[in-house]
Amino acid sequence: MNYPSVHLAAEPSLDAFGTDNGWVIALKALLVFVFLVVFTLFNIWFERRVVARMQHRIGPNVNGPFGLLQSLADGVKLALKEDIIPKSADKVVYVVAPALSVIPAFIAWAVIPLGPVVTIPFTDIRTPLQLTDLPVGVLYILAVTSIGVYGIVLAGWSSGSTYALLGSLRSSAQVISYEVAMGLSFVTVFMYAGTMSMSGIVEAQAQNVWFILPLLPSFVIYAISMVGETNRAPFDLAEAEGELVGGFHTEYSSLKFALFFLAEYINLVTVSALAATLFLGGWRAPYPLSLWDGANEGYWPVLWFVGKCLAFIFFFIWLRGTLPRMRYDQFMKLGWKVLIPVSLVWIFGVSIVRVIQNEGGVDQQTLLIIAGVIVALLLASAFIPEKKPADEPAEPAGDFDAFAGGYPVPPMPGQRLPDPVVTVPADASQDQPRSDARDLDAPTNEEQSRG
């Protein structure tokens, strides 16, 4: 059957979507699925090799060339393991929870652009290297990835384990806290691009500069938030093995555990792709490769896009091999008391600058000076020490009743336990000598040995 040829512009727009044939849509969906699975296998191997290099080890190097098939061998091993369901588990929710985590990780890639409009080999059909696009594509990604936390919460609740439940509660609080800061970091991108479409944001950066330059504070906030969003070290408190064994997946094994593992690494690639699209020009070639006329045509942009994603993956691995895990109170304090307030102040400043710029009142050099002053103030505010709360006055010294609350508690500073009272029966004190009594006139063992 001969399909009609569809001629589209080299730079995809919203009008370029919705015209593909059914088999083209199925082919692109299959390619996205294969890309994510293969990229996940590579990232696991890449992480193990990089961390091994940082720790002066070798890492996987046996299965396949350079050990590249080690991740595949681990996947086969997980598939062949016995699948155990705890007795106290809610079996239906226990089985559904891994799927609720991994399915949103895949469908989030429906709107991520991988390249321009290309011609499918051996055909005359032209299609954008993007499954589809929406006027609110970025919000779609945020909404879909938020569903993944339901899988984590339900996995912890349905396992019937205290450790798993605590890990799921931590994860829900963590995702909610850092998704707020992540969403706020996108607001300034929308102001500069004038759209929430993923392909539109890439096109806006092609006409100007990459948004990482004028919106550097937004990029830094997003970079911190995406680490907390994906439960990666040093923010992997939802599965802290020193406190919660394995966290929300403590009771999972075999393929169900593999699905959680797959969802984590796909989310890792998703947030990296989102950062590359919003701040690093998306699939467009970096300088000086952009000087080449064919750098942003054909299938070459896929290579630039994967390279940008891989740079963020290395950033994640670098953090894991360098920083220790944070305390949970420090982690939540960073999200609510630092990132969110700084994001709100930055949005306010960028709004003022954009209004002035649109009205033509300030030139580009003045805007850069204002932006530099704002960034300097934000950085300076991060180093201002917090005011320590005044010490509460200690209670006056006196006898302390350790059993006043019904159970024994230790004394606070300034308090002391009462002297112990020993009650001896009257007949025992008169008829029997004390066990610790000793005749002072009797010779000691030392004196006997000398005699």
Protein backbone atom coordinates (compact mmCIF):
# COMPACT_ATOMS: atom_id res chain seq x y z
CA MET A 1 0.00 0.00 0.00
CA ASN A 2 1.36 3.43 -0.89
CA TYR A 3 0.99 6.01 1.86
CA PRO A 4 0.77 9.69 0.95
CA SER A 5 3.84 11.77 1.44
CA VAL A 6 3.60 14.37 4.18
CA HIS A 7 5.91 17.37 3.83
CA LEU A 8 6.65 19.18 7.06
CA ALA A 9 8.96 21.97 8.10
CA ALA A 10 12.41 21.05 9.37
CA GLU A 11 11.60 22.60 12.77
CA PRO A 12 8.59 20.67 14.18
CA SER A 13 5.64 22.63 15.51
CA LEU A 14 2.27 21.60 16.94
CA ASP A 15 0.84 21.51 13.41
CA ALA A 16 3.33 18.76 12.49
CA PHE A 17 1.71 16.24 14.84
CA GLY A 18 -1.44 14.23 14.36
CA THR A 19 -0.78 13.52 10.67
CA ASP A 20 1.22 10.29 11.03
CA ASN A 21 -0.10 6.93 9.86
CA GLY A 22 -0.90 4.25 12.43
CA TRP A 23 2.16 2.15 11.67
CA VAL A 24 4.41 5.23 11.95
CA ILE A 25 3.05 5.97 15.43
CA ALA A 26 3.51 2.33 16.45
CA LEU A 27 7.06 2.33 15.08
CA LYS A 28 8.01 5.49 16.98
CA ALA A 29 6.48 4.14 20.21
CA LEU A 30 8.43 0.89 19.81
CA LEU A 31 11.67 2.77 19.14
CA VAL A 32 11.16 4.91 22.25
CA PHE A 33 10.56 1.77 24.34
CA VAL A 34 13.66 0.03 22.97
CA PHE A 35 15.73 3.19 23.41
CA LEU A 36 14.78 3.48 27.10
CA VAL A 37 15.43 -0.18 27.89
CA VAL A 38 18.81 -0.24 26.13
CA PHE A 39 19.79 3.11 27.64
CA THR A 40 18.88 1.77 31.08
CA LEU A 41 21.09 -1.30 30.62
CA PHE A 42 23.93 0.96 29.50
CA ASN A 43 23.44 3.39 32.40
CA ILE A 44 23.65 0.59 34.98
CA TRP A 45 26.94 -0.58 33.45
CA PHE A 46 28.15 3.02 33.13
CA GLU A 47 27.37 3.78 36.77
CA ARG A 48 29.17 0.70 38.03
CA ARG A 49 32.24 1.44 35.94
CA VAL A 50 32.43 5.12 36.88
CA VAL A 51 31.92 4.49 40.61
CA ALA A 52 34.51 1.71 40.46
CA ARG A 53 36.94 4.13 38.83
CA MET A 54 36.30 6.70 41.57
CA GLN A 55 36.93 4.05 44.24
CA HIS A 56 40.04 2.60 42.56
CA ARG A 57 38.28 -0.62 41.56
CA ILE A 58 37.79 -2.32 38.20
CA GLY A 59 34.04 -2.80 37.98
CA PRO A 60 32.23 -5.22 35.65
CA ASN A 61 34.54 -6.38 32.86
CA VAL A 62 33.77 -10.07 32.28
CA ASN A 63 30.40 -10.46 30.52
CA GLY A 64 30.72 -9.11 27.00
CA PRO A 65 33.19 -6.54 25.69
CA PHE A 66 34.20 -4.20 28.54
CA GLY A 67 31.52 -5.92 30.65
CA LEU A 68 28.68 -4.31 28.66
CA LEU A 69 26.47 -7.41 28.98
CA GLN A 70 26.66 -7.46 32.79
CA SER A 71 23.39 -5.52 33.14
CA LEU A 72 21.66 -7.99 30.82
CA ALA A 73 23.00 -10.90 32.86
CA ASP A 74 21.68 -9.29 36.05
CA GLY A 75 18.26 -8.86 34.43
CA VAL A 76 18.12 -12.54 33.45
CA LYS A 77 19.16 -13.48 36.98
CA LEU A 78 16.32 -11.38 38.46
CA ALA A 79 13.82 -12.95 36.06
CA LEU A 80 14.82 -16.47 37.12
CA LYS A 81 14.62 -15.79 40.85
CA GLU A 82 11.73 -17.12 42.91
CA ASP A 83 8.86 -14.67 43.24
CA ILE A 84 7.85 -14.49 46.90
CA ILE A 85 4.74 -12.72 48.20
CA PRO A 86 4.63 -12.10 51.98
CA LYS A 87 1.73 -13.62 53.91
CA SER A 88 0.64 -10.29 55.33
CA ALA A 89 0.70 -8.51 51.95
CA ASP A 90 -2.35 -7.23 50.13
CA LYS A 91 -1.75 -9.39 47.07
CA VAL A 92 -3.64 -7.33 44.47
CA VAL A 93 -2.05 -4.00 45.41
CA TYR A 94 1.31 -5.72 45.95
CA VAL A 95 1.31 -6.93 42.32
CA VAL A 96 -0.10 -3.73 40.78
CA ALA A 97 2.31 -1.32 42.56
CA PRO A 98 5.42 -2.04 40.39
CA ALA A 99 3.37 -1.45 37.24
CA LEU A 100 2.16 1.90 38.61
CA SER A 101 5.80 2.95 38.92
CA VAL A 102 7.17 1.78 35.59
CA ILE A 103 4.29 2.65 33.20
CA PRO A 104 4.33 6.44 33.90
CA ALA A 105 8.11 6.38 33.44
CA PHE A 106 7.62 5.15 29.86
CA ILE A 107 4.66 7.29 28.80
CA ALA A 108 6.37 10.50 29.96
CA TRP A 109 8.55 10.19 26.85
CA ALA A 110 5.57 10.70 24.55
CA VAL A 111 6.27 14.46 24.31
CA ILE A 112 10.08 14.61 24.56
CA PRO A 113 11.65 15.70 21.23
CA LEU A 114 14.62 13.63 20.07
CA GLY A 115 15.29 15.47 16.81
CA PRO A 116 13.86 17.46 13.88
CA VAL A 117 11.62 16.30 11.06
CA VAL A 118 13.29 13.41 9.22
CA THR A 119 12.54 11.03 6.38
CA ILE A 120 11.90 7.43 7.38
CA PRO A 121 14.47 5.21 5.61
CA PHE A 122 13.25 3.36 2.52
CA THR A 123 10.11 5.55 2.38
CA ASP A 124 9.20 9.09 1.37
CA ILE A 125 7.33 9.77 4.61
CA ARG A 126 8.59 12.62 6.75
CA THR A 127 7.84 12.74 10.49
CA PRO A 128 9.24 14.55 13.55
CA LEU A 129 11.46 12.55 15.91
CA GLN A 130 8.87 12.98 18.65
CA LEU A 131 5.88 10.80 19.35
CA THR A 132 3.54 13.76 19.87
CA ASP A 133 3.43 17.20 21.43
CA LEU A 134 0.99 19.18 23.53
CA PRO A 135 0.52 22.90 24.22
CA VAL A 136 1.21 21.98 27.87
CA GLY A 137 3.83 19.31 27.25
CA VAL A 138 5.96 20.16 30.29
CA LEU A 139 2.95 20.01 32.60
CA TYR A 140 2.06 16.64 31.07
CA ILE A 141 5.48 15.28 32.07
CA LEU A 142 5.11 16.62 35.62
CA ALA A 143 1.64 15.10 35.94
CA VAL A 144 2.65 11.70 34.57
CA THR A 145 5.81 11.37 36.65
CA SER A 146 3.82 12.32 39.76
CA ILE A 147 1.73 9.18 39.30
CA GLY A 148 4.83 7.07 39.85
CA VAL A 149 4.88 7.95 43.54
CA TYR A 150 1.57 6.12 43.94
CA GLY A 151 3.36 2.90 43.03
CA ILE A 152 5.97 3.54 45.71
CA VAL A 153 3.40 4.40 48.40
CA LEU A 154 1.18 1.42 47.58
CA ALA A 155 4.20 -0.89 47.48
CA GLY A 156 5.18 0.11 51.00
CA TRP A 157 1.63 -0.09 52.33
CA SER A 158 0.76 -3.43 50.72
CA SER A 159 3.97 -5.19 51.82
CA GLY A 160 2.85 -5.49 55.44
CA SER A 161 6.29 -4.38 56.65
CA THR A 162 7.18 -1.46 58.88
CA TYR A 163 10.41 -0.72 56.99
CA ALA A 164 8.61 -0.67 53.63
CA LEU A 165 5.84 1.57 54.99
CA LEU A 166 8.32 4.08 56.41
CA GLY A 167 10.21 4.12 53.11
CA SER A 168 7.02 4.80 51.15
CA LEU A 169 6.02 7.64 53.47
CA ARG A 170 9.45 9.19 53.13
CA SER A 171 9.25 8.93 49.36
CA SER A 172 5.84 10.60 49.16
CA ALA A 173 6.97 13.52 51.32
CA GLN A 174 10.18 13.77 49.31
CA VAL A 175 8.50 13.83 45.91
CA ILE A 176 5.88 16.37 46.99
CA SER A 177 8.52 18.67 48.47
CA TYR A 178 10.88 18.66 45.52
CA GLU A 179 8.23 18.67 42.80
CA VAL A 180 7.13 22.08 44.07
CA ALA A 181 10.65 23.48 43.63
CA MET A 182 11.00 21.71 40.26
CA GLY A 183 7.75 23.18 38.97
CA LEU A 184 8.75 26.66 40.10
CA SER A 185 12.05 26.37 38.25
CA PHE A 186 10.08 25.89 35.00
CA VAL A 187 8.10 29.12 35.35
CA THR A 188 10.93 31.35 34.18
CA VAL A 189 11.52 29.05 31.19
CA PHE A 190 7.89 29.53 30.18
CA MET A 191 8.33 33.31 30.50
CA TYR A 192 11.30 33.33 28.13
CA ALA A 193 9.96 30.76 25.65
CA GLY A 194 6.39 32.02 25.61
CA THR A 195 5.10 28.43 25.42
CA MET A 196 4.87 25.21 27.43
CA SER A 197 5.26 23.01 24.36
CA MET A 198 8.46 20.95 24.32
CA SER A 199 9.14 21.54 20.64
CA GLY A 200 8.31 25.23 21.08
CA ILE A 201 10.87 25.59 23.88
CA VAL A 202 13.56 24.02 21.68
CA GLU A 203 12.67 26.41 18.86
CA ALA A 204 12.77 29.42 21.23
CA GLN A 205 16.34 28.53 22.26
CA ALA A 206 17.34 28.22 18.61
CA GLN A 207 16.26 31.83 18.00
CA ASN A 208 18.09 33.18 21.06
CA VAL A 209 20.55 31.54 23.47
CA TRP A 210 20.27 28.41 25.56
CA PHE A 211 18.21 29.19 28.64
CA ILE A 212 20.95 27.95 30.96
CA LEU A 213 22.73 31.29 30.47
CA PRO A 214 20.01 33.84 31.36
CA LEU A 215 18.24 31.44 33.75
CA LEU A 216 21.18 29.92 35.60
CA PRO A 217 19.51 30.00 39.07
CA SER A 218 16.51 28.12 37.62
CA PHE A 219 18.87 25.51 36.21
CA VAL A 220 20.65 25.08 39.56
CA ILE A 221 17.32 24.72 41.39
CA TYR A 222 16.14 22.16 38.84
CA ALA A 223 19.42 20.22 39.04
CA ILE A 224 19.05 19.88 42.83
CA SER A 225 15.34 19.08 42.60
CA MET A 226 15.78 16.36 40.00
CA VAL A 227 18.16 14.49 42.31
CA GLY A 228 15.57 14.57 45.09
CA GLU A 229 12.77 13.69 42.66
CA THR A 230 14.50 10.49 41.52
CA ASN A 231 15.50 9.24 45.01
CA ARG A 232 19.17 9.28 44.10
CA ALA A 233 22.14 9.74 46.43
CA PRO A 234 22.65 11.87 48.46
CA PHE A 235 18.83 12.14 48.60
CA ASP A 236 18.03 8.40 48.53
CA LEU A 237 16.40 8.47 51.94
CA ALA A 238 13.38 6.46 50.82
CA GLU A 239 15.57 3.35 50.58
CA ALA A 240 18.30 4.11 53.09
CA GLU A 241 19.74 0.67 53.80
CA GLY A 242 21.25 1.76 57.10
CA GLU A 243 17.82 2.68 58.47
CA LEU A 244 15.10 0.98 56.40
CA VAL A 245 16.83 -2.13 54.97
CA GLY A 246 15.62 -1.56 51.38
CA GLY A 247 12.87 0.98 51.91
CA PHE A 248 9.64 0.58 49.98
CA HIS A 249 10.90 -2.44 47.98
CA THR A 250 12.19 -4.42 50.98
CA GLU A 251 9.66 -7.24 50.43
CA TYR A 252 9.98 -7.39 46.64
CA SER A 253 12.01 -9.85 44.59
CA SER A 254 12.34 -11.24 41.06
CA LEU A 255 10.66 -9.29 38.23
CA LYS A 256 8.66 -7.04 40.56
CA PHE A 257 11.89 -5.68 42.03
CA ALA A 258 13.30 -5.38 38.50
CA LEU A 259 10.36 -3.16 37.53
CA PHE A 260 11.12 -0.75 40.39
CA PHE A 261 14.77 -0.76 39.34
CA LEU A 262 13.79 -0.08 35.73
CA ALA A 263 11.45 2.77 36.73
CA GLU A 264 14.21 4.46 38.75
CA TYR A 265 16.68 4.47 35.88
CA ILE A 266 14.10 5.53 33.30
CA ASN A 267 13.14 8.46 35.55
CA LEU A 268 16.84 9.25 35.70
CA VAL A 269 16.92 9.54 31.91
CA THR A 270 13.62 11.45 31.87
CA VAL A 271 14.77 14.25 34.17
CA SER A 272 18.07 14.41 32.24
CA ALA A 273 16.19 14.74 28.94
CA LEU A 274 13.94 17.39 30.47
CA ALA A 275 16.97 19.38 31.63
CA ALA A 276 18.58 19.10 28.19
CA THR A 277 15.38 20.22 26.47
CA LEU A 278 14.55 23.16 28.74
CA PHE A 279 18.02 24.56 29.40
CA LEU A 280 20.54 23.14 26.89
CA GLY A 281 18.79 23.65 23.59
CA GLY A 282 17.24 20.18 23.34
CA TRP A 283 18.43 18.17 20.34
CA ARG A 284 20.28 21.11 18.75
CA ALA A 285 24.05 20.82 18.40
CA PRO A 286 26.30 22.66 20.88
CA TYR A 287 28.89 25.20 19.84
CA PRO A 288 31.15 24.83 17.81
CA LEU A 289 29.36 21.86 16.18
CA SER A 290 26.45 24.18 15.46
CA LEU A 291 28.66 26.02 12.91
CA TRP A 292 28.32 22.99 10.64
CA ASP A 293 25.30 23.44 8.35
CA GLY A 294 24.16 19.82 8.66
CA ALA A 295 24.57 19.55 12.42
CA ASN A 296 20.85 20.04 13.11
CA GLU A 297 19.52 18.03 10.18
CA GLY A 298 18.76 14.36 9.70
CA TYR A 299 19.52 11.94 12.51
CA TRP A 300 22.61 13.75 13.84
CA PRO A 301 20.58 15.66 16.49
CA VAL A 302 19.76 12.34 18.20
CA LEU A 303 23.47 11.96 18.92
CA TRP A 304 23.72 15.46 20.44
CA PHE A 305 20.62 14.83 22.55
CA VAL A 306 21.90 11.50 23.90
CA GLY A 307 25.26 13.14 24.67
CA LYS A 308 23.58 15.84 26.75
CA CYS A 309 21.54 13.24 28.62
CA LEU A 310 24.67 11.21 29.26
CA ALA A 311 26.37 14.28 30.74
CA PHE A 312 23.56 14.57 33.28
CA ILE A 313 23.76 10.83 33.99
CA PHE A 314 27.44 11.29 34.79
CA PHE A 315 26.47 14.16 37.12
CA PHE A 316 24.14 11.80 39.01
CA ILE A 317 26.85 9.14 39.27
CA TRP A 318 29.41 11.71 40.39
CA LEU A 319 27.13 12.79 43.24
CA ARG A 320 26.58 9.19 44.31
CA GLY A 321 30.29 8.45 44.43
CA THR A 322 31.18 11.70 46.23
CA LEU A 323 28.56 12.87 48.73
CA PRO A 324 27.30 11.08 51.84
CA ARG A 325 23.58 10.64 52.44
CA MET A 326 21.89 13.63 54.08
CA ARG A 327 19.85 13.53 57.25
CA TYR A 328 16.13 13.58 56.59
CA ASP A 329 15.52 16.84 58.46
CA GLN A 330 18.33 18.54 56.52
CA PHE A 331 16.90 17.22 53.28
CA MET A 332 13.38 18.56 53.93
CA LYS A 333 14.80 21.84 55.19
CA LEU A 334 16.71 22.29 51.92
CA GLY A 335 13.54 21.81 49.92
CA TRP A 336 11.09 23.96 51.90
CA LYS A 337 13.34 26.64 53.44
CA VAL A 338 15.90 27.16 50.66
CA LEU A 339 14.83 26.01 47.20
CA ILE A 340 11.19 27.13 47.25
CA PRO A 341 11.82 30.64 48.72
CA VAL A 342 14.74 31.22 46.35
CA SER A 343 12.58 30.08 43.41
CA LEU A 344 9.81 32.52 44.32
CA VAL A 345 12.24 35.43 44.63
CA TRP A 346 13.88 34.51 41.32
CA ILE A 347 10.50 34.32 39.54
CA PHE A 348 9.61 37.76 40.88
CA GLY A 349 12.91 39.20 39.64
CA VAL A 350 12.65 37.59 36.20
CA SER A 351 9.06 38.84 35.85
CA ILE A 352 10.16 42.42 36.44
CA VAL A 353 13.04 42.09 33.98
CA ARG A 354 10.81 40.60 31.29
CA VAL A 355 8.22 43.36 31.63
CA ILE A 356 10.90 46.04 31.36
CA GLN A 357 12.50 44.27 28.41
CA ASN A 358 9.21 43.88 26.53
CA GLU A 359 8.49 47.56 26.96
CA GLY A 360 11.92 48.42 25.55
CA GLY A 361 13.09 50.38 28.58
CA VAL A 362 16.41 48.64 29.27
CA ASP A 363 19.13 47.38 26.95
CA GLN A 364 20.71 43.91 27.07
CA GLN A 365 23.79 44.99 29.02
CA THR A 366 21.73 46.51 31.81
CA LEU A 367 19.61 43.38 32.01
CA LEU A 368 22.73 41.25 32.41
CA ILE A 369 23.95 43.53 35.21
CA ILE A 370 20.59 43.28 37.00
CA ALA A 371 20.60 39.51 36.61
CA GLY A 372 24.14 39.32 38.00
CA VAL A 373 23.15 41.38 41.05
CA ILE A 374 20.13 39.13 41.68
CA VAL A 375 22.25 36.00 41.41
CA ALA A 376 24.87 37.48 43.76
CA LEU A 377 22.19 38.32 46.34
CA LEU A 378 20.71 34.83 46.12
CA LEU A 379 24.11 33.23 46.58
CA ALA A 380 24.94 35.53 49.47
CA SER A 381 21.66 34.72 51.20
CA ALA A 382 22.55 31.04 51.14
CA PHE A 383 25.59 31.73 53.33
CA ILE A 384 23.77 33.81 55.96
CA PRO A 385 23.79 31.77 59.17
CA GLU A 386 20.44 31.04 60.67
CA LYS A 387 19.52 32.58 63.97
CA LYS A 388 19.78 29.92 66.61
CA PRO A 389 16.75 29.61 68.90
CA ALA A 390 17.23 30.81 72.43
CA ASP A 391 18.01 28.06 74.89
CA GLU A 392 15.10 27.21 77.10
CA PRO A 393 15.75 27.87 80.78
CA ALA A 394 16.61 24.71 82.60
CA GLU A 395 14.26 23.52 85.25
CA PRO A 396 15.44 24.13 88.79
CA ALA A 397 17.48 21.35 90.29
CA GLY A 398 15.55 19.02 92.48
CA ASP A 399 14.32 15.50 92.81
CA PHE A 400 13.12 14.00 89.53
CA ASP A 401 10.39 11.39 89.35
CA ALA A 402 11.40 9.05 86.53
CA PHE A 403 8.05 7.24 86.66
CA ALA A 404 5.79 10.30 86.59
CA GLY A 405 4.63 9.50 83.05
CA GLY A 406 4.03 5.83 83.74
CA TYR A 407 7.32 4.60 82.30
CA PRO A 408 10.95 5.36 83.20
CA VAL A 409 12.63 8.28 81.45
CA PRO A 410 16.15 9.68 81.98
CA PRO A 411 16.61 13.01 83.77
CA MET A 412 17.12 16.22 81.80
CA PRO A 413 20.09 18.55 82.35
CA GLY A 414 19.75 20.22 85.76
CA GLN A 415 17.68 17.39 87.20
CA ARG A 416 18.86 14.57 89.43
CA LEU A 417 17.45 11.31 90.47
CA PRO A 418 16.48 10.96 94.16
CA ASP A 419 18.73 8.92 96.40
CA PRO A 420 17.69 5.27 96.41
CA VAL A 421 15.83 4.07 99.48
CA VAL A 422 16.69 0.54 100.65
CA THR A 423 14.03 -1.14 102.76
CA VAL A 424 15.28 -3.99 105.00
CA PRO A 425 12.82 -6.18 106.95
CA ALA A 426 13.03 -5.73 110.70
CA ASP A 427 13.59 -9.44 111.48
CA ALA A 428 16.33 -9.69 108.85
CA SER A 429 18.19 -6.70 110.30
CA GLN A 430 18.18 -8.15 113.82
CA ASP A 431 18.74 -11.87 113.26
CA GLN A 432 20.99 -11.94 110.19
CA PRO A 433 24.18 -9.97 109.71
CA ARG A 434 24.48 -7.86 106.55
CA SER A 435 26.18 -9.66 103.73
CA ASP A 436 28.51 -6.75 103.13
CA ALA A 437 29.41 -6.29 106.83
CA ARG A 438 33.04 -6.94 107.69
CA ASP A 439 34.80 -7.10 111.05
CA LEU A 440 37.08 -4.10 111.09
CA ASP A 441 39.40 -5.79 113.61
CA ALA A 442 39.81 -8.94 111.49
CA PRO A 443 43.00 -9.09 109.47
CA THR A 444 42.71 -8.50 105.76
CA ASN A 445 43.86 -10.97 103.11
CA GLU A 446 46.98 -8.89 102.53
CA GLU A 447 47.87 -8.99 106.24
CA GLN A 448 47.31 -12.73 106.37
CA SER A 449 49.62 -13.24 103.41
CA ARG A 450 52.34 -11.19 105.05
CA GLY A 451 51.96 -13.15 108.32
